[in-house]
Amino acid sequence: MKYIQRYPFLIHSLFWILVVFFYTLFFGHQAQNYLQTLLFACFLMPTTIGTSYFLMYFLIPHFLFKRKYKQFFLFFFYSLVMSVWLELLTIVWAFIWLAEYQTSNMNPATLDISFLVAGTYMVVFGAVSIHLFKRWSEIQQAKLKTELKLKEAELNLLKAQIHPHFLFNTLNTLYGFALEKSDLTPQLVLKLSDLLDYALYHSNQDWVQLQKEIQYIQDFIDLEKLRYEEDVNIEVKCVGSNQGLYIAPMLILPFVENSFKHGLHKELGKGFIHISLTTQGQKLLVEIENSIPDCENTAQKLDSGGVGLDNVRKRLAWLYPKTHTLQITQDKNRFKVTVYIQLHTKPKPYENQMPHHR
């Protein structure tokens, strides 16, 4: 398709040269006089080209596409009459210039007007079909580009929403430490600085190294651990090699954040969070399990999901449409998220997930 757009004159010329050879074989098979038929085909080409371009660039776009069907069929009938008249003139010219006024020297196929019209309009309709297919392809590409721009805009909006959501929760924690005048406040500020550095300078990329993303999650967990007593059960397990794998940034964090938000409550005592990140080849399996404190409205909050979980669901759907699974299960005392993602071995632009846009 790109070659047609880049060299239209060359492609059209090649097509009509092929038509000349088609006419020569199509009309010359009876008399076997291919040289005379070749010359006759050249006489016939202006009518064929003119009729084809008249249909492609005038009748179809100005009448058929605009649903002016009566005018379309009326002008098509006029073009049919005109082309038949021109073909009759072509026969006369061939009779004068090629046969030298001797009908016996004429190719029988070139004297059959119905056969001549059938052969001509076979080419005309073929050319129109190719043109319509090309136009349809261009329309589809334009639609895909438009849809992709909308998807990319929504994806960027989702990513932008994650940062304030995360920052809001972390600042709330820092505010609580400041009110308590905790000795852990400087350590919390340092951890927050590292997290914000990653969020500002890495999360705007399309893809990041998996090991950096896991380190970011570990920093977040370390920060959250500062809020709770040591007897709270928080387990983090990383299995497999993370080298050479890439993932969309801040994709797993909302699930981790949600487990801390709903799984642990300082005022209620013990709880647990178990986080497992397993890589095998290009496959990443994330399992996050947390306790559910027996307090009022907790289940309702978990069902609602929150801004973070809603966003990550959509991001997974955009970025890994056929290469991820997400399962969320919940009972009275336990909430579990299982995410499976087929990762990349090198950073890939979004067009590998969706149609080309750059």
Foldseek 3Di string as FASTA:
>chain_A
DVVCVVCVVVVVVVLLVVLLVVQLCLLCVPVVPSVLSSVLSVLLSVLLVVLLCCVQPPLCVPAVVVPNVVVSVVVNVVSLVVSLVSLVVSLVCCCCPPVVVDVVRDRVSSVDSVSVSVSSVVSSVVSNVVSVVVVVVVVVVVVQLVVVVVLVVVLVVLLVVVVVVVVVVLVVVLVVCVVVVDPCNVVLVVLVVVLVVCSVPPLVDQKDQPVVQVVSLVSVVVSLPVVADPPAAEEEEEEDDRPLWIDRHPLCNLVVVVQSVFQDDRVQDYWYWYWYWYDDPQKTKIKIKIWGDPDPCSVVVVVVSDSSRVSSVSVCCQQVVPFKDWDWDDDDTMTMIIIMGRTDSDDDDSCVSGPDHD
